Amino acid sequence: MLGDETRRELVALLAAGEVPAGELAARFPVSRPAISRHLRVLREAGLVRVRSDGRQRLYALDPRPLRELDEWLEPYRDLWAQRLDALDTEIARGRRARRKGDPA
């Protein structure tokens, strides 16, 4: 669901607060019905909520599912941090070797 770039952009826009549907649609080079479909997918996934204010539909991010994902990912952060630190060390070694004239 968030593999779609438009949906990720919608989530990012909604992270700043409630936005009218028309304003969201105006920010994308696709049709309003296409944005409506993306918003429906996000709403059905529980990431977005909608409310009516007169004739306007106002969309907002519901951060609860993202918090749940964040909590689920927590045990893996140290693993990735260690691997990225090791990669950084190897990149630095390669740079030092090239400066010294050693082939990397």
PDB file of N, CA and C in Angstrom:
ATOM      1  N   MET A   1       0.812  -1.178   0.000  1.00  0.00           N
ATOM      2  CA  MET A   1       0.000   0.000   0.000  1.00  0.00           C
ATOM      3  C   MET A   1       0.864   1.255   0.000  1.00  0.00           C
ATOM      4  N   LEU A   2       1.861   1.345   0.887  1.00  0.00           N
ATOM      5  CA  LEU A   2       2.735   2.510   0.891  1.00  0.00           C
ATOM      6  C   LEU A   2       3.882   2.366  -0.100  1.00  0.00           C
ATOM      7  N   GLY A   3       3.861   1.291  -0.867  1.00  0.00           N
ATOM      8  CA  GLY A   3       4.830   1.135  -1.940  1.00  0.00           C
ATOM      9  C   GLY A   3       4.546   2.100  -3.077  1.00  0.00           C
ATOM     10  N   ASP A   4       3.354   2.650  -3.103  1.00  0.00           N
ATOM     11  CA  ASP A   4       2.964   3.601  -4.135  1.00  0.00           C
ATOM     12  C   ASP A   4       3.446   5.005  -3.750  1.00  0.00           C
ATOM     13  N   GLU A   5       4.177   5.636  -4.634  1.00  0.00           N
ATOM     14  CA  GLU A   5       4.758   6.958  -4.357  1.00  0.00           C
ATOM     15  C   GLU A   5       3.701   8.015  -4.039  1.00  0.00           C
ATOM     16  N   THR A   6       2.595   8.003  -4.759  1.00  0.00           N
ATOM     17  CA  THR A   6       1.533   8.985  -4.505  1.00  0.00           C
ATOM     18  C   THR A   6       0.979   8.819  -3.099  1.00  0.00           C
ATOM     19  N   ARG A   7       0.787   7.588  -2.660  1.00  0.00           N
ATOM     20  CA  ARG A   7       0.261   7.360  -1.307  1.00  0.00           C
ATOM     21  C   ARG A   7       1.263   7.814  -0.248  1.00  0.00           C
ATOM     22  N   ARG A   8       2.539   7.564  -0.501  1.00  0.00           N
ATOM     23  CA  ARG A   8       3.548   8.043   0.454  1.00  0.00           C
ATOM     24  C   ARG A   8       3.529   9.567   0.532  1.00  0.00           C
ATOM     25  N   GLU A   9       3.387  10.224  -0.603  1.00  0.00           N
ATOM     26  CA  GLU A   9       3.317  11.688  -0.613  1.00  0.00           C
ATOM     27  C   GLU A   9       2.072  12.179   0.112  1.00  0.00           C
ATOM     28  N   LEU A  10       0.947  11.500  -0.078  1.00  0.00           N
ATOM     29  CA  LEU A  10      -0.276  11.872   0.628  1.00  0.00           C
ATOM     30  C   LEU A  10      -0.084  11.757   2.138  1.00  0.00           C
ATOM     31  N   VAL A  11       0.520  10.669   2.577  1.00  0.00           N
ATOM     32  CA  VAL A  11       0.775  10.475   4.008  1.00  0.00           C
ATOM     33  C   VAL A  11       1.677  11.601   4.528  1.00  0.00           C
ATOM     34  N   ALA A  12       2.700  11.949   3.764  1.00  0.00           N
ATOM     35  CA  ALA A  12       3.606  13.018   4.190  1.00  0.00           C
ATOM     36  C   ALA A  12       2.868  14.353   4.293  1.00  0.00           C
ATOM     37  N   LEU A  13       2.016  14.648   3.335  1.00  0.00           N
ATOM     38  CA  LEU A  13       1.244  15.893   3.381  1.00  0.00           C
ATOM     39  C   LEU A  13       0.305  15.915   4.584  1.00  0.00           C
ATOM     40  N   LEU A  14      -0.320  14.783   4.853  1.00  0.00           N
ATOM     41  CA  LEU A  14      -1.283  14.716   5.954  1.00  0.00           C
ATOM     42  C   LEU A  14      -0.607  14.694   7.316  1.00  0.00           C
ATOM     43  N   ALA A  15       0.672  14.388   7.355  1.00  0.00           N
ATOM     44  CA  ALA A  15       1.393  14.391   8.630  1.00  0.00           C
ATOM     45  C   ALA A  15       1.436  15.795   9.232  1.00  0.00           C
ATOM     46  N   ALA A  16       1.311  16.813   8.387  1.00  0.00           N
ATOM     47  CA  ALA A  16       1.337  18.201   8.859  1.00  0.00           C
ATOM     48  C   ALA A  16      -0.007  18.633   9.424  1.00  0.00           C
ATOM     49  N   GLY A  17      -1.052  17.864   9.171  1.00  0.00           N
ATOM     50  CA  GLY A  17      -2.377  18.224   9.689  1.00  0.00           C
ATOM     51  C   GLY A  17      -3.470  17.970   8.666  1.00  0.00           C
ATOM     52  N   GLU A  18      -4.654  18.324   9.041  1.00  0.00           N
ATOM     53  CA  GLU A  18      -5.845  18.095   8.229  1.00  0.00           C
ATOM     54  C   GLU A  18      -5.797  18.926   6.935  1.00  0.00           C
ATOM     55  N   VAL A  19      -6.176  18.283   5.820  1.00  0.00           N
ATOM     56  CA  VAL A  19      -6.138  18.951   4.519  1.00  0.00           C
ATOM     57  C   VAL A  19      -7.413  18.619   3.752  1.00  0.00           C
ATOM     58  N   PRO A  20      -8.048  19.625   3.126  1.00  0.00           N
ATOM     59  CA  PRO A  20      -9.225  19.351   2.294  1.00  0.00           C
ATOM     60  C   PRO A  20      -8.870  18.493   1.085  1.00  0.00           C
ATOM     61  N   ALA A  21      -9.795  17.657   0.681  1.00  0.00           N
ATOM     62  CA  ALA A  21      -9.567  16.747  -0.447  1.00  0.00           C
ATOM     63  C   ALA A  21      -9.159  17.498  -1.704  1.00  0.00           C
ATOM     64  N   GLY A  22      -9.826  18.608  -1.999  1.00  0.00           N
ATOM     65  CA  GLY A  22      -9.505  19.375  -3.199  1.00  0.00           C
ATOM     66  C   GLY A  22      -8.081  19.909  -3.185  1.00  0.00           C
ATOM     67  N   GLU A  23      -7.629  20.341  -2.032  1.00  0.00           N
ATOM     68  CA  GLU A  23      -6.262  20.841  -1.917  1.00  0.00           C
ATOM     69  C   GLU A  23      -5.251  19.714  -2.128  1.00  0.00           C
ATOM     70  N   LEU A  24      -5.563  18.535  -1.598  1.00  0.00           N
ATOM     71  CA  LEU A  24      -4.679  17.381  -1.821  1.00  0.00           C
ATOM     72  C   LEU A  24      -4.603  17.058  -3.310  1.00  0.00           C
ATOM     73  N   ALA A  25      -5.771  16.989  -3.949  1.00  0.00           N
ATOM     74  CA  ALA A  25      -5.821  16.623  -5.367  1.00  0.00           C
ATOM     75  C   ALA A  25      -5.074  17.631  -6.228  1.00  0.00           C
ATOM     76  N   ALA A  26      -5.123  18.905  -5.855  1.00  0.00           N
ATOM     77  CA  ALA A  26      -4.469  19.947  -6.649  1.00  0.00           C
ATOM     78  C   ALA A  26      -2.947  19.825  -6.631  1.00  0.00           C
ATOM     79  N   ARG A  27      -2.407  19.096  -5.690  1.00  0.00           N
ATOM     80  CA  ARG A  27      -0.945  18.974  -5.570  1.00  0.00           C
ATOM     81  C   ARG A  27      -0.358  17.866  -6.439  1.00  0.00           C
ATOM     82  N   PHE A  28      -1.205  17.121  -7.138  1.00  0.00           N
ATOM     83  CA  PHE A  28      -0.724  15.975  -7.911  1.00  0.00           C
ATOM     84  C   PHE A  28      -1.107  16.117  -9.372  1.00  0.00           C
ATOM     85  N   PRO A  29      -0.265  15.587 -10.263  1.00  0.00           N
ATOM     86  CA  PRO A  29      -0.541  15.687 -11.704  1.00  0.00           C
ATOM     87  C   PRO A  29      -1.480  14.588 -12.213  1.00  0.00           C
ATOM     88  N   VAL A  30      -2.317  14.048 -11.339  1.00  0.00           N
ATOM     89  CA  VAL A  30      -3.274  13.017 -11.746  1.00  0.00           C
ATOM     90  C   VAL A  30      -4.684  13.533 -11.465  1.00  0.00           C
ATOM     91  N   SER A  31      -5.663  12.802 -11.925  1.00  0.00           N
ATOM     92  CA  SER A  31      -7.053  13.245 -11.778  1.00  0.00           C
ATOM     93  C   SER A  31      -7.516  13.193 -10.323  1.00  0.00           C
ATOM     94  N   ARG A  32      -8.547  13.964 -10.039  1.00  0.00           N
ATOM     95  CA  ARG A  32      -9.148  13.939  -8.695  1.00  0.00           C
ATOM     96  C   ARG A  32      -9.674  12.550  -8.342  1.00  0.00           C
ATOM     97  N   PRO A  33     -10.326  11.854  -9.295  1.00  0.00           N
ATOM     98  CA  PRO A  33     -10.766  10.496  -8.961  1.00  0.00           C
ATOM     99  C   PRO A  33      -9.603   9.566  -8.597  1.00  0.00           C
ATOM    100  N   ALA A  34      -8.451   9.750  -9.232  1.00  0.00           N
ATOM    101  CA  ALA A  34      -7.292   8.916  -8.905  1.00  0.00           C
ATOM    102  C   ALA A  34      -6.832   9.192  -7.477  1.00  0.00           C
ATOM    103  N   ILE A  35      -6.794  10.462  -7.078  1.00  0.00           N
ATOM    104  CA  ILE A  35      -6.408  10.807  -5.705  1.00  0.00           C
ATOM    105  C   ILE A  35      -7.456  10.280  -4.737  1.00  0.00           C
ATOM    106  N   SER A  36      -8.696  10.348  -5.110  1.00  0.00           N
ATOM    107  CA  SER A  36      -9.768   9.817  -4.266  1.00  0.00           C
ATOM    108  C   SER A  36      -9.578   8.326  -4.026  1.00  0.00           C
ATOM    109  N   ARG A  37      -9.183   7.595  -5.065  1.00  0.00           N
ATOM    110  CA  ARG A  37      -8.937   6.152  -4.909  1.00  0.00           C
ATOM    111  C   ARG A  37      -7.759   5.903  -3.970  1.00  0.00           C
ATOM    112  N   HIS A  38      -6.698   6.690  -4.109  1.00  0.00           N
ATOM    113  CA  HIS A  38      -5.547   6.549  -3.214  1.00  0.00           C
ATOM    114  C   HIS A  38      -5.964   6.827  -1.765  1.00  0.00           C
ATOM    115  N   LEU A  39      -6.748   7.869  -1.572  1.00  0.00           N
ATOM    116  CA  LEU A  39      -7.205   8.199  -0.220  1.00  0.00           C
ATOM    117  C   LEU A  39      -8.099   7.099   0.346  1.00  0.00           C
ATOM    118  N   ARG A  40      -8.910   6.496  -0.507  1.00  0.00           N
ATOM    119  CA  ARG A  40      -9.764   5.401  -0.052  1.00  0.00           C
ATOM    120  C   ARG A  40      -8.919   4.216   0.419  1.00  0.00           C
ATOM    121  N   VAL A  41      -7.876   3.882  -0.330  1.00  0.00           N
ATOM    122  CA  VAL A  41      -6.986   2.790   0.060  1.00  0.00           C
ATOM    123  C   VAL A  41      -6.346   3.101   1.416  1.00  0.00           C
ATOM    124  N   LEU A  42      -5.867   4.323   1.578  1.00  0.00           N
ATOM    125  CA  LEU A  42      -5.254   4.720   2.854  1.00  0.00           C
ATOM    126  C   LEU A  42      -6.268   4.703   3.994  1.00  0.00           C
ATOM    127  N   ARG A  43      -7.488   5.120   3.696  1.00  0.00           N
ATOM    128  CA  ARG A  43      -8.560   5.118   4.706  1.00  0.00           C
ATOM    129  C   ARG A  43      -8.913   3.688   5.110  1.00  0.00           C
ATOM    130  N   GLU A  44      -9.041   2.803   4.130  1.00  0.00           N
ATOM    131  CA  GLU A  44      -9.374   1.404   4.416  1.00  0.00           C
ATOM    132  C   GLU A  44      -8.265   0.708   5.198  1.00  0.00           C
ATOM    133  N   ALA A  45      -7.029   1.167   5.012  1.00  0.00           N
ATOM    134  CA  ALA A  45      -5.892   0.598   5.750  1.00  0.00           C
ATOM    135  C   ALA A  45      -5.790   1.193   7.157  1.00  0.00           C
ATOM    136  N   GLY A  46      -6.594   2.202   7.438  1.00  0.00           N
ATOM    137  CA  GLY A  46      -6.588   2.810   8.755  1.00  0.00           C
ATOM    138  C   GLY A  46      -5.537   3.891   8.949  1.00  0.00           C
ATOM    139  N   LEU A  47      -4.864   4.291   7.873  1.00  0.00           N
ATOM    140  CA  LEU A  47      -3.826   5.313   7.979  1.00  0.00           C
ATOM    141  C   LEU A  47      -4.372   6.737   7.893  1.00  0.00           C
ATOM    142  N   VAL A  48      -5.553   6.862   7.325  1.00  0.00           N
ATOM    143  CA  VAL A  48      -6.141   8.178   7.094  1.00  0.00           C
ATOM    144  C   VAL A  48      -7.579   8.162   7.595  1.00  0.00           C
ATOM    145  N   ARG A  49      -7.977   9.282   8.193  1.00  0.00           N
ATOM    146  CA  ARG A  49      -9.388   9.426   8.562  1.00  0.00           C
ATOM    147  C   ARG A  49      -9.937  10.645   7.838  1.00  0.00           C
ATOM    148  N   VAL A  50     -11.238  10.642   7.684  1.00  0.00           N
ATOM    149  CA  VAL A  50     -11.901  11.718   6.946  1.00  0.00           C
ATOM    150  C   VAL A  50     -13.096  12.210   7.746  1.00  0.00           C
ATOM    151  N   ARG A  51     -13.362  13.500   7.642  1.00  0.00           N
ATOM    152  CA  ARG A  51     -14.555  14.064   8.252  1.00  0.00           C
ATOM    153  C   ARG A  51     -15.122  15.104   7.299  1.00  0.00           C
ATOM    154  N   SER A  52     -16.412  15.316   7.393  1.00  0.00           N
ATOM    155  CA  SER A  52     -17.070  16.318   6.559  1.00  0.00           C
ATOM    156  C   SER A  52     -17.224  17.606   7.341  1.00  0.00           C
ATOM    157  N   ASP A  53     -17.000  18.706   6.639  1.00  0.00           N
ATOM    158  CA  ASP A  53     -17.219  20.037   7.196  1.00  0.00           C
ATOM    159  C   ASP A  53     -17.967  20.808   6.119  1.00  0.00           C
ATOM    160  N   GLY A  54     -19.291  20.786   6.232  1.00  0.00           N
ATOM    161  CA  GLY A  54     -20.101  21.352   5.151  1.00  0.00           C
ATOM    162  C   GLY A  54     -19.949  20.480   3.921  1.00  0.00           C
ATOM    163  N   ARG A  55     -19.550  21.096   2.817  1.00  0.00           N
ATOM    164  CA  ARG A  55     -19.358  20.348   1.577  1.00  0.00           C
ATOM    165  C   ARG A  55     -17.933  19.808   1.434  1.00  0.00           C
ATOM    166  N   GLN A  56     -17.068  20.200   2.331  1.00  0.00           N
ATOM    167  CA  GLN A  56     -15.676  19.751   2.249  1.00  0.00           C
ATOM    168  C   GLN A  56     -15.466  18.426   2.954  1.00  0.00           C
ATOM    169  N   ARG A  57     -14.555  17.641   2.379  1.00  0.00           N
ATOM    170  CA  ARG A  57     -14.082  16.428   3.049  1.00  0.00           C
ATOM    171  C   ARG A  57     -12.655  16.715   3.477  1.00  0.00           C
ATOM    172  N   LEU A  58     -12.421  16.616   4.770  1.00  0.00           N
ATOM    173  CA  LEU A  58     -11.110  16.911   5.337  1.00  0.00           C
ATOM    174  C   LEU A  58     -10.425  15.609   5.733  1.00  0.00           C
ATOM    175  N   TYR A  59      -9.206  15.454   5.261  1.00  0.00           N
ATOM    176  CA  TYR A  59      -8.442  14.237   5.526  1.00  0.00           C
ATOM    177  C   TYR A  59      -7.333  14.528   6.531  1.00  0.00           C
ATOM    178  N   ALA A  60      -7.062  13.549   7.369  1.00  0.00           N
ATOM    179  CA  ALA A  60      -5.989  13.667   8.359  1.00  0.00           C
ATOM    180  C   ALA A  60      -5.326  12.309   8.522  1.00  0.00           C
ATOM    181  N   LEU A  61      -4.062  12.335   8.876  1.00  0.00           N
ATOM    182  CA  LEU A  61      -3.321  11.117   9.136  1.00  0.00           C
ATOM    183  C   LEU A  61      -3.736  10.546  10.485  1.00  0.00           C
ATOM    184  N   ASP A  62      -3.914   9.240  10.540  1.00  0.00           N
ATOM    185  CA  ASP A  62      -4.122   8.557  11.819  1.00  0.00           C
ATOM    186  C   ASP A  62      -2.800   7.863  12.131  1.00  0.00           C
ATOM    187  N   PRO A  63      -2.033   8.389  13.081  1.00  0.00           N
ATOM    188  CA  PRO A  63      -0.680   7.867  13.316  1.00  0.00           C
ATOM    189  C   PRO A  63      -0.620   6.522  14.035  1.00  0.00           C
ATOM    190  N   ARG A  64      -1.745   6.034  14.548  1.00  0.00           N
ATOM    191  CA  ARG A  64      -1.702   4.781  15.326  1.00  0.00           C
ATOM    192  C   ARG A  64      -1.094   3.603  14.575  1.00  0.00           C
ATOM    193  N   PRO A  65      -1.507   3.327  13.336  1.00  0.00           N
ATOM    194  CA  PRO A  65      -0.887   2.181  12.635  1.00  0.00           C
ATOM    195  C   PRO A  65       0.617   2.372  12.410  1.00  0.00           C
ATOM    196  N   LEU A  66       1.039   3.621  12.201  1.00  0.00           N
ATOM    197  CA  LEU A  66       2.467   3.869  12.014  1.00  0.00           C
ATOM    198  C   LEU A  66       3.230   3.662  13.318  1.00  0.00           C
ATOM    199  N   ARG A  67       2.605   4.015  14.437  1.00  0.00           N
ATOM    200  CA  ARG A  67       3.238   3.761  15.742  1.00  0.00           C
ATOM    201  C   ARG A  67       3.381   2.263  15.978  1.00  0.00           C
ATOM    202  N   GLU A  68       2.346   1.508  15.620  1.00  0.00           N
ATOM    203  CA  GLU A  68       2.403   0.057  15.781  1.00  0.00           C
ATOM    204  C   GLU A  68       3.543  -0.528  14.944  1.00  0.00           C
ATOM    205  N   LEU A  69       3.690  -0.034  13.721  1.00  0.00           N
ATOM    206  CA  LEU A  69       4.774  -0.497  12.859  1.00  0.00           C
ATOM    207  C   LEU A  69       6.122  -0.109  13.457  1.00  0.00           C
ATOM    208  N   ASP A  70       6.226   1.107  13.958  1.00  0.00           N
ATOM    209  CA  ASP A  70       7.454   1.570  14.581  1.00  0.00           C
ATOM    210  C   ASP A  70       7.836   0.676  15.761  1.00  0.00           C
ATOM    211  N   GLU A  71       6.866   0.322  16.576  1.00  0.00           N
ATOM    212  CA  GLU A  71       7.124  -0.563  17.717  1.00  0.00           C
ATOM    213  C   GLU A  71       7.571  -1.947  17.249  1.00  0.00           C
ATOM    214  N   TRP A  72       6.961  -2.442  16.189  1.00  0.00           N
ATOM    215  CA  TRP A  72       7.323  -3.750  15.665  1.00  0.00           C
ATOM    216  C   TRP A  72       8.758  -3.735  15.113  1.00  0.00           C
ATOM    217  N   LEU A  73       9.167  -2.622  14.502  1.00  0.00           N
ATOM    218  CA  LEU A  73      10.497  -2.521  13.915  1.00  0.00           C
ATOM    219  C   LEU A  73      11.601  -2.283  14.941  1.00  0.00           C
ATOM    220  N   GLU A  74      11.271  -1.833  16.124  1.00  0.00           N
ATOM    221  CA  GLU A  74      12.256  -1.462  17.139  1.00  0.00           C
ATOM    222  C   GLU A  74      13.347  -2.512  17.361  1.00  0.00           C
ATOM    223  N   PRO A  75      13.026  -3.792  17.513  1.00  0.00           N
ATOM    224  CA  PRO A  75      14.090  -4.776  17.767  1.00  0.00           C
ATOM    225  C   PRO A  75      15.105  -4.897  16.627  1.00  0.00           C
ATOM    226  N   TYR A  76      14.737  -4.472  15.441  1.00  0.00           N
ATOM    227  CA  TYR A  76      15.617  -4.614  14.284  1.00  0.00           C
ATOM    228  C   TYR A  76      16.520  -3.400  14.074  1.00  0.00           C
ATOM    229  N   ARG A  77      16.248  -2.305  14.737  1.00  0.00           N
ATOM    230  CA  ARG A  77      17.026  -1.078  14.535  1.00  0.00           C
ATOM    231  C   ARG A  77      18.496  -1.261  14.897  1.00  0.00           C
ATOM    232  N   ASP A  78      18.781  -1.906  16.027  1.00  0.00           N
ATOM    233  CA  ASP A  78      20.179  -2.115  16.419  1.00  0.00           C
ATOM    234  C   ASP A  78      20.918  -2.959  15.385  1.00  0.00           C
ATOM    235  N   LEU A  79      20.256  -3.982  14.872  1.00  0.00           N
ATOM    236  CA  LEU A  79      20.859  -4.832  13.849  1.00  0.00           C
ATOM    237  C   LEU A  79      21.253  -3.998  12.638  1.00  0.00           C
ATOM    238  N   TRP A  80      20.335  -3.161  12.144  1.00  0.00           N
ATOM    239  CA  TRP A  80      20.634  -2.344  10.966  1.00  0.00           C
ATOM    240  C   TRP A  80      21.673  -1.283  11.279  1.00  0.00           C
ATOM    241  N   ALA A  81      21.627  -0.716  12.474  1.00  0.00           N
ATOM    242  CA  ALA A  81      22.615   0.303  12.849  1.00  0.00           C
ATOM    243  C   ALA A  81      24.013  -0.305  12.828  1.00  0.00           C
ATOM    244  N   GLN A  82      24.161  -1.505  13.354  1.00  0.00           N
ATOM    245  CA  GLN A  82      25.465  -2.170  13.363  1.00  0.00           C
ATOM    246  C   GLN A  82      25.956  -2.422  11.939  1.00  0.00           C
ATOM    247  N   ARG A  83      25.061  -2.881  11.082  1.00  0.00           N
ATOM    248  CA  ARG A  83      25.457  -3.177   9.702  1.00  0.00           C
ATOM    249  C   ARG A  83      25.810  -1.898   8.943  1.00  0.00           C
ATOM    250  N   LEU A  84      25.065  -0.847   9.176  1.00  0.00           N
ATOM    251  CA  LEU A  84      25.372   0.413   8.504  1.00  0.00           C
ATOM    252  C   LEU A  84      26.678   1.007   9.028  1.00  0.00           C
ATOM    253  N   ASP A  85      26.932   0.855  10.326  1.00  0.00           N
ATOM    254  CA  ASP A  85      28.218   1.308  10.878  1.00  0.00           C
ATOM    255  C   ASP A  85      29.374   0.551  10.241  1.00  0.00           C
ATOM    256  N   ALA A  86      29.206  -0.760  10.068  1.00  0.00           N
ATOM    257  CA  ALA A  86      30.252  -1.573   9.435  1.00  0.00           C
ATOM    258  C   ALA A  86      30.459  -1.139   7.987  1.00  0.00           C
ATOM    259  N   LEU A  87      29.393  -0.853   7.278  1.00  0.00           N
ATOM    260  CA  LEU A  87      29.503  -0.374   5.895  1.00  0.00           C
ATOM    261  C   LEU A  87      30.241   0.959   5.852  1.00  0.00           C
ATOM    262  N   ASP A  88      29.907   1.852   6.768  1.00  0.00           N
ATOM    263  CA  ASP A  88      30.576   3.154   6.842  1.00  0.00           C
ATOM    264  C   ASP A  88      32.071   2.977   7.073  1.00  0.00           C
ATOM    265  N   THR A  89      32.450   2.038   7.943  1.00  0.00           N
ATOM    266  CA  THR A  89      33.861   1.765   8.215  1.00  0.00           C
ATOM    267  C   THR A  89      34.566   1.281   6.949  1.00  0.00           C
ATOM    268  N   GLU A  90      33.935   0.377   6.213  1.00  0.00           N
ATOM    269  CA  GLU A  90      34.541  -0.138   4.982  1.00  0.00           C
ATOM    270  C   GLU A  90      34.669   0.952   3.931  1.00  0.00           C
ATOM    271  N   ILE A  91      33.708   1.811   3.814  1.00  0.00           N
ATOM    272  CA  ILE A  91      33.784   2.921   2.849  1.00  0.00           C
ATOM    273  C   ILE A  91      34.942   3.840   3.215  1.00  0.00           C
ATOM    274  N   ALA A  92      35.087   4.145   4.506  1.00  0.00           N
ATOM    275  CA  ALA A  92      36.191   5.005   4.965  1.00  0.00           C
ATOM    276  C   ALA A  92      37.533   4.351   4.670  1.00  0.00           C
ATOM    277  N   ARG A  93      37.646   3.052   4.880  1.00  0.00           N
ATOM    278  CA  ARG A  93      38.900   2.336   4.584  1.00  0.00           C
ATOM    279  C   ARG A  93      39.242   2.438   3.098  1.00  0.00           C
ATOM    280  N   GLY A  94      38.220   2.280   2.271  1.00  0.00           N
ATOM    281  CA  GLY A  94      38.437   2.371   0.824  1.00  0.00           C
ATOM    282  C   GLY A  94      38.907   3.758   0.413  1.00  0.00           C
ATOM    283  N   ARG A  95      38.347   4.772   1.002  1.00  0.00           N
ATOM    284  CA  ARG A  95      38.763   6.150   0.685  1.00  0.00           C
ATOM    285  C   ARG A  95      40.212   6.390   1.108  1.00  0.00           C
ATOM    286  N   ARG A  96      40.557   5.918   2.316  1.00  0.00           N
ATOM    287  CA  ARG A  96      41.937   6.090   2.797  1.00  0.00           C
ATOM    288  C   ARG A  96      42.920   5.370   1.875  1.00  0.00           C
ATOM    289  N   ALA A  97      42.545   4.171   1.445  1.00  0.00           N
ATOM    290  CA  ALA A  97      43.416   3.392   0.584  1.00  0.00           C
ATOM    291  C   ALA A  97      43.616   4.096  -0.755  1.00  0.00           C
ATOM    292  N   ARG A  98      42.574   4.677  -1.311  1.00  0.00           N
ATOM    293  CA  ARG A  98      42.689   5.383  -2.590  1.00  0.00           C
ATOM    294  C   ARG A  98      43.568   6.619  -2.446  1.00  0.00           C
ATOM    295  N   ARG A  99      43.464   7.313  -1.328  1.00  0.00           N
ATOM    296  CA  ARG A  99      44.301   8.502  -1.114  1.00  0.00           C
ATOM    297  C   ARG A  99      45.776   8.125  -1.023  1.00  0.00           C
ATOM    298  N   LYS A 100      46.051   6.964  -0.472  1.00  0.00           N
ATOM    299  CA  LYS A 100      47.428   6.507  -0.336  1.00  0.00           C
ATOM    300  C   LYS A 100      47.962   5.935  -1.642  1.00  0.00           C
ATOM    301  N   GLY A 101      47.079   5.798  -2.617  1.00  0.00           N
ATOM    302  CA  GLY A 101      47.505   5.263  -3.902  1.00  0.00           C
ATOM    303  C   GLY A 101      47.317   3.777  -4.022  1.00  0.00           C
ATOM    304  N   ASP A 102      46.769   3.144  -3.005  1.00  0.00           N
ATOM    305  CA  ASP A 102      46.519   1.715  -3.066  1.00  0.00           C
ATOM    306  C   ASP A 102      45.264   1.467  -3.893  1.00  0.00           C
ATOM    307  N   PRO A 103      45.296   0.478  -4.768  1.00  0.00           N
ATOM    308  CA  PRO A 103      44.061   0.164  -5.505  1.00  0.00           C
ATOM    309  C   PRO A 103      43.028  -0.437  -4.557  1.00  0.00           C
ATOM    310  N   ALA A 104      41.805  -0.011  -4.690  1.00  0.00           N
ATOM    311  CA  ALA A 104      40.748  -0.514  -3.801  1.00  0.00           C
ATOM    312  C   ALA A 104      39.980  -1.622  -4.451  1.00  0.00           C
TER     313      ALA A 104
END
